[in-house]
Amino acid sequence: MATPATSTADQPVLTHRCVRCGRPVPLDVAMCEDCNPLGLSQPASSQVHGTVFVAVLGAVIVLAVLGRLALSGIGPFTAQVTTVLPTETGLAITLAVRNEGTKAGSTTCRISAAGTGATAIVQTRNLQPGETATVEAATTRFGRLPRALAATCESP
Protein backbone atom coordinates (compact mmCIF):
# COMPACT_ATOMS: atom_id res chain seq x y z
CA MET A 1 0.00 0.00 0.00
CA ALA A 2 1.36 3.41 -0.91
CA THR A 3 2.21 5.70 1.94
CA PRO A 4 2.00 9.42 1.45
CA ALA A 5 5.31 11.22 1.37
CA THR A 6 6.08 13.52 4.26
CA SER A 7 7.58 16.93 3.98
CA THR A 8 9.97 18.89 6.03
CA ALA A 9 9.80 22.59 6.57
CA ASP A 10 12.59 23.06 4.00
CA GLN A 11 11.32 20.66 1.36
CA PRO A 12 7.71 20.63 0.07
CA VAL A 13 6.22 17.39 -1.26
CA LEU A 14 5.94 17.34 -5.04
CA THR A 15 2.58 16.01 -6.17
CA HIS A 16 0.47 15.36 -9.25
CA ARG A 17 -3.18 14.41 -9.70
CA CYS A 18 -4.63 10.95 -9.07
CA VAL A 19 -5.36 9.34 -12.47
CA ARG A 20 -8.94 8.51 -11.41
CA CYS A 21 -10.27 11.29 -9.19
CA GLY A 22 -7.75 14.12 -9.46
CA ARG A 23 -6.70 14.38 -5.81
CA PRO A 24 -3.06 15.36 -5.17
CA VAL A 25 -0.81 12.31 -4.70
CA PRO A 26 2.99 11.91 -4.46
CA LEU A 27 4.89 11.67 -7.74
CA ASP A 28 5.70 7.97 -7.28
CA VAL A 29 2.01 7.02 -6.89
CA ALA A 30 -0.61 6.98 -9.67
CA MET A 31 -3.82 6.62 -7.61
CA CYS A 32 -4.84 7.86 -4.17
CA GLU A 33 -5.82 5.46 -1.36
CA ASP A 34 -9.54 6.05 -2.01
CA CYS A 35 -9.19 4.95 -5.65
CA ASN A 36 -6.81 2.07 -4.85
CA PRO A 37 -7.81 0.90 -1.32
CA LEU A 38 -6.22 -2.55 -1.67
CA GLY A 39 -2.86 -1.13 -2.72
CA LEU A 40 -2.85 -2.95 -6.05
CA SER A 41 0.14 -2.38 -8.29
CA GLN A 42 0.10 1.00 -9.93
CA PRO A 43 0.33 1.44 -13.72
CA ALA A 44 3.93 1.95 -14.78
CA SER A 45 4.89 5.23 -16.40
CA SER A 46 6.00 3.29 -19.49
CA GLN A 47 2.46 1.88 -19.77
CA VAL A 48 0.95 5.34 -19.54
CA HIS A 49 3.41 6.87 -22.00
CA GLY A 50 3.04 3.93 -24.38
CA THR A 51 -0.73 4.29 -24.37
CA VAL A 52 -0.49 8.01 -25.10
CA PHE A 53 2.05 7.38 -27.90
CA VAL A 54 -0.24 4.80 -29.54
CA ALA A 55 -3.21 7.19 -29.28
CA VAL A 56 -1.26 10.06 -30.87
CA LEU A 57 0.08 7.77 -33.62
CA GLY A 58 -3.45 6.52 -34.31
CA ALA A 59 -4.77 10.10 -34.53
CA VAL A 60 -2.02 11.07 -37.00
CA ILE A 61 -2.82 8.06 -39.19
CA VAL A 62 -6.56 8.84 -39.15
CA LEU A 63 -5.89 12.49 -40.07
CA ALA A 64 -3.56 11.45 -42.90
CA VAL A 65 -6.19 9.09 -44.36
CA LEU A 66 -8.93 11.73 -44.06
CA GLY A 67 -6.69 14.35 -45.70
CA ARG A 68 -5.86 12.00 -48.55
CA LEU A 69 -9.54 11.24 -49.12
CA ALA A 70 -10.40 14.95 -49.07
CA LEU A 71 -7.72 15.80 -51.64
CA SER A 72 -8.09 12.83 -53.97
CA GLY A 73 -9.56 13.71 -57.34
CA ILE A 74 -8.27 17.30 -57.34
CA GLY A 75 -6.01 17.80 -60.33
CA PRO A 76 -3.78 17.21 -62.11
CA PHE A 77 -3.70 20.69 -63.54
CA THR A 78 -2.23 21.56 -66.92
CA ALA A 79 -1.08 25.04 -67.86
CA GLN A 80 -0.02 26.74 -71.04
CA VAL A 81 1.39 30.24 -71.48
CA THR A 82 -0.89 31.88 -74.07
CA THR A 83 0.47 35.44 -74.22
CA VAL A 84 3.50 37.37 -73.03
CA LEU A 85 3.28 41.15 -73.45
CA PRO A 86 5.73 43.85 -72.33
CA THR A 87 4.60 46.44 -69.80
CA GLU A 88 6.32 49.53 -68.37
CA THR A 89 7.82 47.52 -65.51
CA GLY A 90 8.00 43.92 -66.76
CA LEU A 91 5.77 41.40 -68.49
CA ALA A 92 2.04 40.69 -68.53
CA ILE A 93 1.57 36.93 -68.77
CA THR A 94 -1.63 35.05 -69.55
CA LEU A 95 -2.01 31.34 -68.72
CA ALA A 96 -4.68 28.83 -69.68
CA VAL A 97 -5.03 26.46 -66.70
CA ARG A 98 -7.20 23.32 -66.84
CA ASN A 99 -8.37 21.07 -63.99
CA GLU A 100 -8.08 17.51 -65.33
CA GLY A 101 -9.38 16.00 -62.07
CA THR A 102 -12.78 14.87 -60.84
CA LYS A 103 -13.12 17.43 -58.00
CA ALA A 104 -12.97 21.21 -57.85
CA GLY A 105 -9.77 22.76 -56.61
CA SER A 106 -7.23 25.53 -56.97
CA THR A 107 -3.55 25.25 -57.76
CA THR A 108 -0.26 27.10 -57.71
CA CYS A 109 1.51 27.46 -61.05
CA ARG A 110 5.20 28.18 -61.52
CA ILE A 111 6.18 30.21 -64.56
CA SER A 112 9.80 29.87 -65.64
CA ALA A 113 12.13 31.08 -68.37
CA ALA A 114 14.50 28.47 -69.79
CA GLY A 115 18.12 28.97 -68.84
CA THR A 116 17.60 31.90 -66.45
CA GLY A 117 16.52 30.19 -63.24
CA ALA A 118 13.97 32.98 -62.70
CA THR A 119 10.47 31.92 -61.69
CA ALA A 120 7.16 33.55 -60.86
CA ILE A 121 4.34 32.00 -58.86
CA VAL A 122 0.64 32.37 -59.73
CA GLN A 123 -2.32 31.15 -57.67
CA THR A 124 -5.53 30.19 -59.51
CA ARG A 125 -9.10 30.50 -58.37
CA ASN A 126 -11.15 27.36 -57.62
CA LEU A 127 -11.58 25.42 -60.88
CA GLN A 128 -14.37 22.90 -61.45
CA PRO A 129 -13.51 19.48 -62.93
CA GLY A 130 -12.70 19.85 -66.64
CA GLU A 131 -12.81 23.66 -66.45
CA THR A 132 -10.19 25.80 -68.17
CA ALA A 133 -9.56 29.26 -66.75
CA THR A 134 -7.51 32.20 -67.94
CA VAL A 135 -5.08 33.50 -65.32
CA GLU A 136 -3.30 36.81 -65.77
CA ALA A 137 -0.16 37.83 -63.95
CA ALA A 138 2.22 40.77 -64.06
CA THR A 139 5.84 40.21 -63.10
CA THR A 140 9.22 41.89 -63.18
CA ARG A 141 11.13 38.60 -62.71
CA PHE A 142 11.89 38.10 -66.42
CA GLY A 143 12.77 41.65 -67.48
CA ARG A 144 10.79 43.70 -70.01
CA LEU A 145 11.51 41.80 -73.23
CA PRO A 146 8.99 39.12 -74.25
CA ARG A 147 10.52 35.65 -74.14
CA ALA A 148 9.48 32.02 -74.23
CA LEU A 149 8.05 30.98 -70.88
CA ALA A 150 6.82 27.64 -69.53
CA ALA A 151 4.26 26.97 -66.82
CA THR A 152 3.78 23.96 -64.54
CA CYS A 153 1.07 23.56 -61.93
CA GLU A 154 1.13 21.55 -58.71
CA SER A 155 -1.48 19.01 -57.72
CA PRO A 156 -2.36 18.55 -54.05
C-alpha atoms as a PDB file:
ATOM      1  CA  MET A   1       0.000   0.000   0.000  1.00  0.00           C
ATOM      2  CA  ALA A   2       1.358   3.406  -0.913  1.00  0.00           C
ATOM      3  CA  THR A   3       2.214   5.703   1.940  1.00  0.00           C
ATOM      4  CA  PRO A   4       1.996   9.416   1.450  1.00  0.00           C
ATOM      5  CA  ALA A   5       5.312  11.218   1.370  1.00  0.00           C
ATOM      6  CA  THR A   6       6.079  13.517   4.264  1.00  0.00           C
ATOM      7  CA  SER A   7       7.583  16.926   3.979  1.00  0.00           C
ATOM      8  CA  THR A   8       9.970  18.889   6.026  1.00  0.00           C
ATOM      9  CA  ALA A   9       9.801  22.592   6.572  1.00  0.00           C
ATOM     10  CA  ASP A  10      12.594  23.058   4.005  1.00  0.00           C
ATOM     11  CA  GLN A  11      11.322  20.656   1.358  1.00  0.00           C
ATOM     12  CA  PRO A  12       7.710  20.628   0.071  1.00  0.00           C
ATOM     13  CA  VAL A  13       6.219  17.388  -1.264  1.00  0.00           C
ATOM     14  CA  LEU A  14       5.942  17.340  -5.038  1.00  0.00           C
ATOM     15  CA  THR A  15       2.584  16.010  -6.170  1.00  0.00           C
ATOM     16  CA  HIS A  16       0.474  15.361  -9.249  1.00  0.00           C
ATOM     17  CA  ARG A  17      -3.183  14.413  -9.699  1.00  0.00           C
ATOM     18  CA  CYS A  18      -4.630  10.952  -9.073  1.00  0.00           C
ATOM     19  CA  VAL A  19      -5.361   9.343 -12.465  1.00  0.00           C
ATOM     20  CA  ARG A  20      -8.944   8.511 -11.411  1.00  0.00           C
ATOM     21  CA  CYS A  21     -10.266  11.287  -9.186  1.00  0.00           C
ATOM     22  CA  GLY A  22      -7.751  14.118  -9.464  1.00  0.00           C
ATOM     23  CA  ARG A  23      -6.701  14.385  -5.806  1.00  0.00           C
ATOM     24  CA  PRO A  24      -3.063  15.362  -5.168  1.00  0.00           C
ATOM     25  CA  VAL A  25      -0.811  12.312  -4.699  1.00  0.00           C
ATOM     26  CA  PRO A  26       2.991  11.911  -4.456  1.00  0.00           C
ATOM     27  CA  LEU A  27       4.894  11.671  -7.741  1.00  0.00           C
ATOM     28  CA  ASP A  28       5.698   7.970  -7.278  1.00  0.00           C
ATOM     29  CA  VAL A  29       2.008   7.022  -6.888  1.00  0.00           C
ATOM     30  CA  ALA A  30      -0.606   6.979  -9.669  1.00  0.00           C
ATOM     31  CA  MET A  31      -3.819   6.618  -7.608  1.00  0.00           C
ATOM     32  CA  CYS A  32      -4.844   7.859  -4.175  1.00  0.00           C
ATOM     33  CA  GLU A  33      -5.819   5.465  -1.360  1.00  0.00           C
ATOM     34  CA  ASP A  34      -9.535   6.055  -2.014  1.00  0.00           C
ATOM     35  CA  CYS A  35      -9.186   4.951  -5.652  1.00  0.00           C
ATOM     36  CA  ASN A  36      -6.812   2.070  -4.846  1.00  0.00           C
ATOM     37  CA  PRO A  37      -7.814   0.899  -1.322  1.00  0.00           C
ATOM     38  CA  LEU A  38      -6.222  -2.552  -1.670  1.00  0.00           C
ATOM     39  CA  GLY A  39      -2.864  -1.130  -2.720  1.00  0.00           C
ATOM     40  CA  LEU A  40      -2.849  -2.953  -6.051  1.00  0.00           C
ATOM     41  CA  SER A  41       0.142  -2.380  -8.290  1.00  0.00           C
ATOM     42  CA  GLN A  42       0.104   1.001  -9.929  1.00  0.00           C
ATOM     43  CA  PRO A  43       0.328   1.441 -13.719  1.00  0.00           C
ATOM     44  CA  ALA A  44       3.934   1.948 -14.775  1.00  0.00           C
ATOM     45  CA  SER A  45       4.890   5.227 -16.397  1.00  0.00           C
ATOM     46  CA  SER A  46       5.996   3.294 -19.494  1.00  0.00           C
ATOM     47  CA  GLN A  47       2.456   1.880 -19.773  1.00  0.00           C
ATOM     48  CA  VAL A  48       0.947   5.344 -19.541  1.00  0.00           C
ATOM     49  CA  HIS A  49       3.412   6.870 -22.004  1.00  0.00           C
ATOM     50  CA  GLY A  50       3.043   3.926 -24.379  1.00  0.00           C
ATOM     51  CA  THR A  51      -0.734   4.291 -24.373  1.00  0.00           C
ATOM     52  CA  VAL A  52      -0.490   8.008 -25.099  1.00  0.00           C
ATOM     53  CA  PHE A  53       2.046   7.375 -27.897  1.00  0.00           C
ATOM     54  CA  VAL A  54      -0.242   4.800 -29.536  1.00  0.00           C
ATOM     55  CA  ALA A  55      -3.213   7.188 -29.285  1.00  0.00           C
ATOM     56  CA  VAL A  56      -1.261  10.063 -30.868  1.00  0.00           C
ATOM     57  CA  LEU A  57       0.080   7.774 -33.623  1.00  0.00           C
ATOM     58  CA  GLY A  58      -3.453   6.520 -34.314  1.00  0.00           C
ATOM     59  CA  ALA A  59      -4.767  10.101 -34.533  1.00  0.00           C
ATOM     60  CA  VAL A  60      -2.017  11.069 -36.999  1.00  0.00           C
ATOM     61  CA  ILE A  61      -2.822   8.058 -39.192  1.00  0.00           C
ATOM     62  CA  VAL A  62      -6.562   8.838 -39.146  1.00  0.00           C
ATOM     63  CA  LEU A  63      -5.895  12.486 -40.074  1.00  0.00           C
ATOM     64  CA  ALA A  64      -3.556  11.446 -42.902  1.00  0.00           C
ATOM     65  CA  VAL A  65      -6.188   9.090 -44.358  1.00  0.00           C
ATOM     66  CA  LEU A  66      -8.934  11.734 -44.058  1.00  0.00           C
ATOM     67  CA  GLY A  67      -6.686  14.346 -45.695  1.00  0.00           C
ATOM     68  CA  ARG A  68      -5.856  12.000 -48.546  1.00  0.00           C
ATOM     69  CA  LEU A  69      -9.543  11.238 -49.116  1.00  0.00           C
ATOM     70  CA  ALA A  70     -10.404  14.947 -49.069  1.00  0.00           C
ATOM     71  CA  LEU A  71      -7.724  15.800 -51.635  1.00  0.00           C
ATOM     72  CA  SER A  72      -8.089  12.835 -53.971  1.00  0.00           C
ATOM     73  CA  GLY A  73      -9.562  13.713 -57.344  1.00  0.00           C
ATOM     74  CA  ILE A  74      -8.275  17.302 -57.335  1.00  0.00           C
ATOM     75  CA  GLY A  75      -6.010  17.795 -60.333  1.00  0.00           C
ATOM     76  CA  PRO A  76      -3.778  17.209 -62.114  1.00  0.00           C
ATOM     77  CA  PHE A  77      -3.703  20.695 -63.543  1.00  0.00           C
ATOM     78  CA  THR A  78      -2.230  21.556 -66.922  1.00  0.00           C
ATOM     79  CA  ALA A  79      -1.079  25.038 -67.861  1.00  0.00           C
ATOM     80  CA  GLN A  80      -0.016  26.742 -71.040  1.00  0.00           C
ATOM     81  CA  VAL A  81       1.392  30.240 -71.481  1.00  0.00           C
ATOM     82  CA  THR A  82      -0.885  31.876 -74.070  1.00  0.00           C
ATOM     83  CA  THR A  83       0.466  35.436 -74.223  1.00  0.00           C
ATOM     84  CA  VAL A  84       3.497  37.369 -73.028  1.00  0.00           C
ATOM     85  CA  LEU A  85       3.283  41.148 -73.446  1.00  0.00           C
ATOM     86  CA  PRO A  86       5.731  43.849 -72.328  1.00  0.00           C
ATOM     87  CA  THR A  87       4.602  46.442 -69.800  1.00  0.00           C
ATOM     88  CA  GLU A  88       6.325  49.530 -68.373  1.00  0.00           C
ATOM     89  CA  THR A  89       7.821  47.523 -65.509  1.00  0.00           C
ATOM     90  CA  GLY A  90       7.998  43.921 -66.757  1.00  0.00           C
ATOM     91  CA  LEU A  91       5.766  41.398 -68.486  1.00  0.00           C
ATOM     92  CA  ALA A  92       2.043  40.691 -68.534  1.00  0.00           C
ATOM     93  CA  ILE A  93       1.569  36.930 -68.774  1.00  0.00           C
ATOM     94  CA  THR A  94      -1.631  35.048 -69.552  1.00  0.00           C
ATOM     95  CA  LEU A  95      -2.008  31.340 -68.723  1.00  0.00           C
ATOM     96  CA  ALA A  96      -4.682  28.830 -69.679  1.00  0.00           C
ATOM     97  CA  VAL A  97      -5.025  26.455 -66.696  1.00  0.00           C
ATOM     98  CA  ARG A  98      -7.196  23.322 -66.841  1.00  0.00           C
ATOM     99  CA  ASN A  99      -8.366  21.065 -63.995  1.00  0.00           C
ATOM    100  CA  GLU A 100      -8.084  17.508 -65.331  1.00  0.00           C
ATOM    101  CA  GLY A 101      -9.376  16.000 -62.070  1.00  0.00           C
ATOM    102  CA  THR A 102     -12.783  14.868 -60.836  1.00  0.00           C
ATOM    103  CA  LYS A 103     -13.117  17.426 -58.004  1.00  0.00           C
ATOM    104  CA  ALA A 104     -12.974  21.207 -57.855  1.00  0.00           C
ATOM    105  CA  GLY A 105      -9.771  22.761 -56.609  1.00  0.00           C
ATOM    106  CA  SER A 106      -7.226  25.530 -56.968  1.00  0.00           C
ATOM    107  CA  THR A 107      -3.555  25.246 -57.761  1.00  0.00           C
ATOM    108  CA  THR A 108      -0.261  27.098 -57.711  1.00  0.00           C
ATOM    109  CA  CYS A 109       1.509  27.461 -61.053  1.00  0.00           C
ATOM    110  CA  ARG A 110       5.203  28.176 -61.515  1.00  0.00           C
ATOM    111  CA  ILE A 111       6.175  30.209 -64.561  1.00  0.00           C
ATOM    112  CA  SER A 112       9.801  29.872 -65.641  1.00  0.00           C
ATOM    113  CA  ALA A 113      12.125  31.080 -68.374  1.00  0.00           C
ATOM    114  CA  ALA A 114      14.497  28.475 -69.785  1.00  0.00           C
ATOM    115  CA  GLY A 115      18.124  28.974 -68.839  1.00  0.00           C
ATOM    116  CA  THR A 116      17.603  31.898 -66.452  1.00  0.00           C
ATOM    117  CA  GLY A 117      16.518  30.189 -63.241  1.00  0.00           C
ATOM    118  CA  ALA A 118      13.975  32.982 -62.698  1.00  0.00           C
ATOM    119  CA  THR A 119      10.468  31.924 -61.694  1.00  0.00           C
ATOM    120  CA  ALA A 120       7.165  33.551 -60.862  1.00  0.00           C
ATOM    121  CA  ILE A 121       4.338  32.002 -58.861  1.00  0.00           C
ATOM    122  CA  VAL A 122       0.639  32.369 -59.734  1.00  0.00           C
ATOM    123  CA  GLN A 123      -2.323  31.150 -57.669  1.00  0.00           C
ATOM    124  CA  THR A 124      -5.528  30.186 -59.505  1.00  0.00           C
ATOM    125  CA  ARG A 125      -9.102  30.496 -58.371  1.00  0.00           C
ATOM    126  CA  ASN A 126     -11.147  27.365 -57.624  1.00  0.00           C
ATOM    127  CA  LEU A 127     -11.581  25.423 -60.882  1.00  0.00           C
ATOM    128  CA  GLN A 128     -14.372  22.903 -61.452  1.00  0.00           C
ATOM    129  CA  PRO A 129     -13.509  19.476 -62.931  1.00  0.00           C
ATOM    130  CA  GLY A 130     -12.702  19.851 -66.638  1.00  0.00           C
ATOM    131  CA  GLU A 131     -12.807  23.657 -66.450  1.00  0.00           C
ATOM    132  CA  THR A 132     -10.186  25.796 -68.173  1.00  0.00           C
ATOM    133  CA  ALA A 133      -9.559  29.258 -66.746  1.00  0.00           C
ATOM    134  CA  THR A 134      -7.515  32.204 -67.935  1.00  0.00           C
ATOM    135  CA  VAL A 135      -5.077  33.495 -65.324  1.00  0.00           C
ATOM    136  CA  GLU A 136      -3.301  36.808 -65.767  1.00  0.00           C
ATOM    137  CA  ALA A 137      -0.160  37.831 -63.946  1.00  0.00           C
ATOM    138  CA  ALA A 138       2.221  40.772 -64.063  1.00  0.00           C
ATOM    139  CA  THR A 139       5.836  40.210 -63.098  1.00  0.00           C
ATOM    140  CA  THR A 140       9.223  41.890 -63.176  1.00  0.00           C
ATOM    141  CA  ARG A 141      11.133  38.604 -62.706  1.00  0.00           C
ATOM    142  CA  PHE A 142      11.893  38.100 -66.417  1.00  0.00           C
ATOM    143  CA  GLY A 143      12.771  41.645 -67.480  1.00  0.00           C
ATOM    144  CA  ARG A 144      10.793  43.696 -70.015  1.00  0.00           C
ATOM    145  CA  LEU A 145      11.505  41.801 -73.229  1.00  0.00           C
ATOM    146  CA  PRO A 146       8.995  39.123 -74.246  1.00  0.00           C
ATOM    147  CA  ARG A 147      10.521  35.647 -74.140  1.00  0.00           C
ATOM    148  CA  ALA A 148       9.481  32.017 -74.234  1.00  0.00           C
ATOM    149  CA  LEU A 149       8.054  30.983 -70.879  1.00  0.00           C
ATOM    150  CA  ALA A 150       6.823  27.642 -69.533  1.00  0.00           C
ATOM    151  CA  ALA A 151       4.257  26.969 -66.822  1.00  0.00           C
ATOM    152  CA  THR A 152       3.785  23.955 -64.535  1.00  0.00           C
ATOM    153  CA  CYS A 153       1.070  23.562 -61.929  1.00  0.00           C
ATOM    154  CA  GLU A 154       1.134  21.550 -58.714  1.00  0.00           C
ATOM    155  CA  SER A 155      -1.483  19.015 -57.724  1.00  0.00           C
ATOM    156  CA  PRO A 156      -2.362  18.553 -54.053  1.00  0.00           C
END
